[in-house]
Amino acid sequence: MLINTYSCVLLFLAASTVFVLASFVTSWVLRPRKPSPQKLSTYECGEPTKGTSFIQYNVRYYLFALAFVIFDVEAVFLLPWAVVCKDFGLFGFIEAVVFIFILLAGLVYAWKKKVLEWL
């Protein structure tokens, strides 16, 4: 009985795994093998490359991106709460305030450590 219950899920996982593997194999088989100067030229940007294309970025860009993601996730959590905040009452309001204060504490910590400064 339990196998019949989860058979659709297992079938879906197997089919999705086969699809992903087939996509990888197909792209590997059909990829271009002989690079030529025409294939290595710039495309639509017009700027010729200088040196290697693999350079190390400053880690501060990643920290800004991480801060953006954190506060974007905060908005994702707070928007549904704001829609139904009357149903939660005082306890729900206190939970949201604690959540915001934890995020603000992280922001103040990052500010004090000078993570949010460019140079």
N, C-alpha and C. Protein backbone atom coordinates (compact mmCIF):
# COMPACT_ATOMS: atom_id res chain seq x y z
N MET A 1 0.83 -1.19 0.00
CA MET A 1 0.00 0.00 0.00
C MET A 1 0.87 1.25 0.00
N LEU A 2 1.94 1.25 0.79
CA LEU A 2 2.81 2.42 0.88
C LEU A 2 3.55 2.66 -0.42
N ILE A 3 3.93 1.58 -1.10
CA ILE A 3 4.63 1.72 -2.38
C ILE A 3 3.70 2.33 -3.42
N ASN A 4 2.44 1.96 -3.41
CA ASN A 4 1.49 2.54 -4.36
C ASN A 4 1.26 4.02 -4.08
N THR A 5 1.35 4.41 -2.84
CA THR A 5 1.13 5.81 -2.48
C THR A 5 2.22 6.70 -3.04
N TYR A 6 3.45 6.25 -2.96
CA TYR A 6 4.58 7.08 -3.39
C TYR A 6 5.09 6.71 -4.78
N SER A 7 4.40 5.86 -5.50
CA SER A 7 4.89 5.45 -6.81
C SER A 7 4.88 6.61 -7.80
N CYS A 8 3.91 7.49 -7.73
CA CYS A 8 3.88 8.65 -8.64
C CYS A 8 5.05 9.59 -8.35
N VAL A 9 5.37 9.77 -7.09
CA VAL A 9 6.49 10.64 -6.73
C VAL A 9 7.80 10.03 -7.21
N LEU A 10 7.98 8.74 -6.99
CA LEU A 10 9.20 8.07 -7.45
C LEU A 10 9.31 8.08 -8.97
N LEU A 11 8.19 7.88 -9.65
CA LEU A 11 8.20 7.94 -11.11
C LEU A 11 8.57 9.34 -11.60
N PHE A 12 8.03 10.36 -10.96
CA PHE A 12 8.36 11.74 -11.33
C PHE A 12 9.84 12.03 -11.09
N LEU A 13 10.38 11.60 -9.96
CA LEU A 13 11.81 11.82 -9.67
C LEU A 13 12.69 11.08 -10.68
N ALA A 14 12.32 9.87 -11.03
CA ALA A 14 13.11 9.12 -12.01
C ALA A 14 13.05 9.78 -13.38
N ALA A 15 11.87 10.23 -13.79
CA ALA A 15 11.73 10.88 -15.10
C ALA A 15 12.49 12.20 -15.14
N SER A 16 12.44 12.96 -14.06
CA SER A 16 13.17 14.23 -14.04
C SER A 16 14.68 14.00 -14.03
N THR A 17 15.14 12.98 -13.35
CA THR A 17 16.57 12.67 -13.35
C THR A 17 17.03 12.25 -14.74
N VAL A 18 16.25 11.42 -15.40
CA VAL A 18 16.59 11.00 -16.76
C VAL A 18 16.59 12.20 -17.70
N PHE A 19 15.64 13.10 -17.55
CA PHE A 19 15.58 14.29 -18.41
C PHE A 19 16.80 15.18 -18.21
N VAL A 20 17.21 15.39 -16.97
CA VAL A 20 18.38 16.23 -16.69
C VAL A 20 19.63 15.58 -17.26
N LEU A 21 19.82 14.30 -17.01
CA LEU A 21 21.00 13.61 -17.54
C LEU A 21 21.00 13.60 -19.06
N ALA A 22 19.84 13.41 -19.68
CA ALA A 22 19.77 13.43 -21.14
C ALA A 22 20.11 14.82 -21.68
N SER A 23 19.71 15.86 -20.98
CA SER A 23 20.05 17.23 -21.41
C SER A 23 21.55 17.46 -21.34
N PHE A 24 22.18 17.01 -20.27
CA PHE A 24 23.63 17.18 -20.15
C PHE A 24 24.38 16.39 -21.23
N VAL A 25 23.97 15.17 -21.46
CA VAL A 25 24.64 14.35 -22.47
C VAL A 25 24.43 14.94 -23.86
N THR A 26 23.23 15.40 -24.16
CA THR A 26 22.96 15.99 -25.47
C THR A 26 23.79 17.25 -25.69
N SER A 27 23.88 18.10 -24.70
CA SER A 27 24.68 19.32 -24.86
C SER A 27 26.16 18.99 -24.99
N TRP A 28 26.63 17.95 -24.32
CA TRP A 28 28.04 17.55 -24.44
C TRP A 28 28.33 16.98 -25.83
N VAL A 29 27.38 16.21 -26.37
CA VAL A 29 27.58 15.61 -27.69
C VAL A 29 27.52 16.67 -28.79
N LEU A 30 26.64 17.65 -28.67
CA LEU A 30 26.44 18.64 -29.72
C LEU A 30 27.31 19.88 -29.60
N ARG A 31 28.15 19.96 -28.61
CA ARG A 31 28.97 21.16 -28.42
C ARG A 31 30.02 21.28 -29.52
N PRO A 32 30.45 22.50 -29.82
CA PRO A 32 31.50 22.67 -30.83
C PRO A 32 32.84 22.18 -30.28
N ARG A 33 33.59 21.50 -31.11
CA ARG A 33 34.83 20.91 -30.65
C ARG A 33 36.07 21.66 -31.12
N LYS A 34 35.99 22.36 -32.25
CA LYS A 34 37.16 23.03 -32.80
C LYS A 34 36.99 24.55 -32.71
N PRO A 35 37.63 25.17 -31.74
CA PRO A 35 37.52 26.63 -31.67
C PRO A 35 38.31 27.28 -32.80
N SER A 36 37.73 28.29 -33.40
CA SER A 36 38.39 29.04 -34.45
C SER A 36 38.40 30.51 -34.05
N PRO A 37 39.19 31.33 -34.71
CA PRO A 37 39.19 32.76 -34.35
C PRO A 37 37.81 33.39 -34.47
N GLN A 38 37.02 32.94 -35.43
CA GLN A 38 35.67 33.47 -35.58
C GLN A 38 34.80 33.09 -34.39
N LYS A 39 34.94 31.86 -33.92
CA LYS A 39 34.14 31.41 -32.78
C LYS A 39 34.59 32.06 -31.48
N LEU A 40 35.85 32.41 -31.38
CA LEU A 40 36.37 33.01 -30.16
C LEU A 40 36.24 34.53 -30.14
N SER A 41 35.72 35.11 -31.20
CA SER A 41 35.59 36.57 -31.24
C SER A 41 34.44 37.02 -30.35
N THR A 42 34.42 38.32 -30.05
CA THR A 42 33.37 38.86 -29.18
C THR A 42 32.04 38.83 -29.91
N TYR A 43 30.99 38.72 -29.15
CA TYR A 43 29.65 38.63 -29.72
C TYR A 43 28.80 39.75 -29.17
N GLU A 44 28.39 40.65 -30.01
CA GLU A 44 27.46 41.74 -29.75
C GLU A 44 27.97 42.82 -28.81
N CYS A 45 28.96 42.58 -28.01
CA CYS A 45 29.40 43.63 -27.09
C CYS A 45 30.41 44.55 -27.75
N GLY A 46 31.19 44.05 -28.69
CA GLY A 46 32.12 44.88 -29.42
C GLY A 46 33.43 45.13 -28.73
N GLU A 47 33.58 44.74 -27.50
CA GLU A 47 34.82 44.96 -26.77
C GLU A 47 35.68 43.71 -26.84
N PRO A 48 36.87 43.82 -27.40
CA PRO A 48 37.75 42.64 -27.41
C PRO A 48 38.25 42.34 -26.01
N THR A 49 38.40 41.08 -25.72
CA THR A 49 38.87 40.69 -24.39
C THR A 49 40.36 40.92 -24.26
N LYS A 50 40.77 41.27 -23.06
CA LYS A 50 42.19 41.46 -22.77
C LYS A 50 42.55 40.51 -21.65
N GLY A 51 43.49 39.66 -21.89
CA GLY A 51 43.89 38.69 -20.88
C GLY A 51 42.90 37.54 -20.82
N THR A 52 42.88 36.88 -19.68
CA THR A 52 41.96 35.76 -19.52
C THR A 52 40.61 36.28 -19.06
N SER A 53 39.60 35.52 -19.32
CA SER A 53 38.26 35.93 -18.91
C SER A 53 37.96 35.54 -17.47
N PHE A 54 38.82 34.77 -16.86
CA PHE A 54 38.61 34.35 -15.49
C PHE A 54 39.40 35.28 -14.57
N ILE A 55 38.70 36.23 -13.98
CA ILE A 55 39.33 37.15 -13.05
C ILE A 55 38.64 37.01 -11.70
N GLN A 56 39.32 37.42 -10.67
CA GLN A 56 38.74 37.35 -9.34
C GLN A 56 38.07 38.68 -9.03
N TYR A 57 36.81 38.59 -8.61
CA TYR A 57 36.07 39.78 -8.23
C TYR A 57 36.33 40.08 -6.76
N ASN A 58 36.13 41.32 -6.43
CA ASN A 58 36.24 41.72 -5.04
C ASN A 58 35.12 41.05 -4.25
N VAL A 59 35.41 40.55 -3.09
CA VAL A 59 34.43 39.82 -2.29
C VAL A 59 33.31 40.74 -1.82
N ARG A 60 33.52 42.03 -1.84
CA ARG A 60 32.47 42.95 -1.38
C ARG A 60 31.25 42.91 -2.29
N TYR A 61 31.43 42.62 -3.56
CA TYR A 61 30.27 42.49 -4.44
C TYR A 61 29.38 41.34 -3.98
N TYR A 62 29.99 40.26 -3.55
CA TYR A 62 29.22 39.13 -3.06
C TYR A 62 28.50 39.49 -1.76
N LEU A 63 29.14 40.28 -0.92
CA LEU A 63 28.50 40.67 0.33
C LEU A 63 27.29 41.56 0.07
N PHE A 64 27.40 42.46 -0.92
CA PHE A 64 26.24 43.27 -1.27
C PHE A 64 25.12 42.39 -1.82
N ALA A 65 25.47 41.43 -2.64
CA ALA A 65 24.45 40.52 -3.19
C ALA A 65 23.81 39.70 -2.07
N LEU A 66 24.61 39.27 -1.12
CA LEU A 66 24.08 38.50 0.01
C LEU A 66 23.15 39.36 0.86
N ALA A 67 23.53 40.61 1.11
CA ALA A 67 22.66 41.50 1.87
C ALA A 67 21.35 41.74 1.13
N PHE A 68 21.42 41.88 -0.19
CA PHE A 68 20.20 42.06 -0.97
C PHE A 68 19.30 40.84 -0.85
N VAL A 69 19.87 39.66 -0.95
CA VAL A 69 19.07 38.44 -0.87
C VAL A 69 18.43 38.32 0.51
N ILE A 70 19.17 38.65 1.55
CA ILE A 70 18.63 38.56 2.91
C ILE A 70 17.43 39.47 3.07
N PHE A 71 17.54 40.72 2.62
CA PHE A 71 16.44 41.65 2.80
C PHE A 71 15.32 41.39 1.80
N ASP A 72 15.62 40.75 0.69
CA ASP A 72 14.57 40.34 -0.24
C ASP A 72 13.76 39.20 0.37
N VAL A 73 14.42 38.27 1.02
CA VAL A 73 13.72 37.19 1.70
C VAL A 73 12.90 37.74 2.86
N GLU A 74 13.41 38.78 3.51
CA GLU A 74 12.63 39.42 4.57
C GLU A 74 11.32 39.95 4.01
N ALA A 75 11.37 40.56 2.85
CA ALA A 75 10.15 41.07 2.24
C ALA A 75 9.19 39.94 1.88
N VAL A 76 9.74 38.82 1.45
CA VAL A 76 8.90 37.66 1.11
C VAL A 76 8.19 37.13 2.35
N PHE A 77 8.86 37.17 3.49
CA PHE A 77 8.23 36.70 4.72
C PHE A 77 7.26 37.71 5.32
N LEU A 78 7.56 38.99 5.18
CA LEU A 78 6.73 40.00 5.82
C LEU A 78 5.48 40.36 5.01
N LEU A 79 5.52 40.22 3.71
CA LEU A 79 4.35 40.58 2.90
C LEU A 79 3.14 39.70 3.22
N PRO A 80 3.26 38.38 3.26
CA PRO A 80 2.08 37.58 3.64
C PRO A 80 1.64 37.85 5.08
N TRP A 81 2.60 38.12 5.95
CA TRP A 81 2.24 38.44 7.33
C TRP A 81 1.42 39.72 7.37
N ALA A 82 1.80 40.73 6.58
CA ALA A 82 1.08 42.00 6.58
C ALA A 82 -0.33 41.84 6.04
N VAL A 83 -0.55 40.90 5.16
CA VAL A 83 -1.88 40.70 4.59
C VAL A 83 -2.84 40.14 5.65
N VAL A 84 -2.36 39.26 6.50
CA VAL A 84 -3.24 38.63 7.49
C VAL A 84 -2.84 38.98 8.92
N CYS A 85 -2.29 40.17 9.13
CA CYS A 85 -1.77 40.50 10.47
C CYS A 85 -2.88 40.62 11.51
N LYS A 86 -4.10 40.94 11.11
CA LYS A 86 -5.19 41.06 12.09
C LYS A 86 -5.55 39.70 12.69
N ASP A 87 -5.36 38.65 11.91
CA ASP A 87 -5.70 37.31 12.41
C ASP A 87 -4.71 36.81 13.45
N PHE A 88 -3.47 37.29 13.42
CA PHE A 88 -2.45 36.82 14.34
C PHE A 88 -2.53 37.46 15.71
N GLY A 89 -3.04 38.65 15.79
CA GLY A 89 -3.16 39.33 17.06
C GLY A 89 -1.83 39.86 17.56
N LEU A 90 -1.76 40.05 18.87
CA LEU A 90 -0.57 40.64 19.49
C LEU A 90 0.64 39.72 19.39
N PHE A 91 0.44 38.42 19.54
CA PHE A 91 1.55 37.48 19.46
C PHE A 91 2.21 37.50 18.08
N GLY A 92 1.41 37.53 17.03
CA GLY A 92 1.95 37.60 15.68
C GLY A 92 2.68 38.90 15.43
N PHE A 93 2.17 39.99 15.99
CA PHE A 93 2.85 41.28 15.85
C PHE A 93 4.21 41.26 16.55
N ILE A 94 4.27 40.68 17.73
CA ILE A 94 5.53 40.60 18.48
C ILE A 94 6.53 39.72 17.73
N GLU A 95 6.07 38.63 17.15
CA GLU A 95 6.96 37.78 16.35
C GLU A 95 7.55 38.54 15.17
N ALA A 96 6.73 39.33 14.48
CA ALA A 96 7.23 40.10 13.34
C ALA A 96 8.21 41.17 13.79
N VAL A 97 7.95 41.80 14.91
CA VAL A 97 8.87 42.83 15.42
C VAL A 97 10.20 42.20 15.81
N VAL A 98 10.18 41.04 16.44
CA VAL A 98 11.42 40.34 16.79
C VAL A 98 12.19 39.96 15.52
N PHE A 99 11.49 39.50 14.50
CA PHE A 99 12.12 39.15 13.23
C PHE A 99 12.79 40.37 12.61
N ILE A 100 12.11 41.49 12.62
CA ILE A 100 12.69 42.72 12.05
C ILE A 100 13.88 43.18 12.87
N PHE A 101 13.79 43.09 14.19
CA PHE A 101 14.92 43.51 15.03
C PHE A 101 16.15 42.61 14.83
N ILE A 102 15.94 41.34 14.62
CA ILE A 102 17.08 40.45 14.34
C ILE A 102 17.75 40.85 13.03
N LEU A 103 16.95 41.15 12.01
CA LEU A 103 17.53 41.60 10.74
C LEU A 103 18.22 42.95 10.89
N LEU A 104 17.63 43.85 11.66
CA LEU A 104 18.27 45.15 11.88
C LEU A 104 19.57 45.00 12.67
N ALA A 105 19.61 44.05 13.60
CA ALA A 105 20.85 43.81 14.33
C ALA A 105 21.94 43.31 13.39
N GLY A 106 21.58 42.45 12.45
CA GLY A 106 22.54 41.99 11.45
C GLY A 106 23.01 43.13 10.56
N LEU A 107 22.10 44.04 10.20
CA LEU A 107 22.47 45.19 9.39
C LEU A 107 23.41 46.12 10.15
N VAL A 108 23.12 46.37 11.42
CA VAL A 108 24.00 47.22 12.23
C VAL A 108 25.37 46.56 12.40
N TYR A 109 25.40 45.25 12.60
CA TYR A 109 26.67 44.54 12.71
C TYR A 109 27.49 44.67 11.42
N ALA A 110 26.83 44.49 10.28
CA ALA A 110 27.53 44.64 9.00
C ALA A 110 28.02 46.07 8.81
N TRP A 111 27.23 47.02 9.25
CA TRP A 111 27.62 48.43 9.12
C TRP A 111 28.83 48.73 10.01
N LYS A 112 28.83 48.21 11.24
CA LYS A 112 29.96 48.43 12.15
C LYS A 112 31.23 47.76 11.66
N LYS A 113 31.11 46.61 11.01
CA LYS A 113 32.27 45.92 10.46
C LYS A 113 32.72 46.51 9.13
N LYS A 114 32.03 47.54 8.67
CA LYS A 114 32.33 48.26 7.42
C LYS A 114 32.25 47.34 6.20
N VAL A 115 31.29 46.43 6.25
CA VAL A 115 31.07 45.55 5.11
C VAL A 115 30.35 46.29 3.99
N LEU A 116 29.55 47.28 4.34
CA LEU A 116 28.72 47.97 3.36
C LEU A 116 29.41 49.18 2.74
N GLU A 117 30.70 49.33 2.94
CA GLU A 117 31.43 50.43 2.32
C GLU A 117 32.13 49.91 1.08
N TRP A 118 32.18 50.72 0.04
CA TRP A 118 32.77 50.28 -1.22
C TRP A 118 34.28 50.18 -1.15
N LEU A 119 34.94 51.20 -0.71
CA LEU A 119 36.41 51.17 -0.74
C LEU A 119 36.98 51.46 0.63
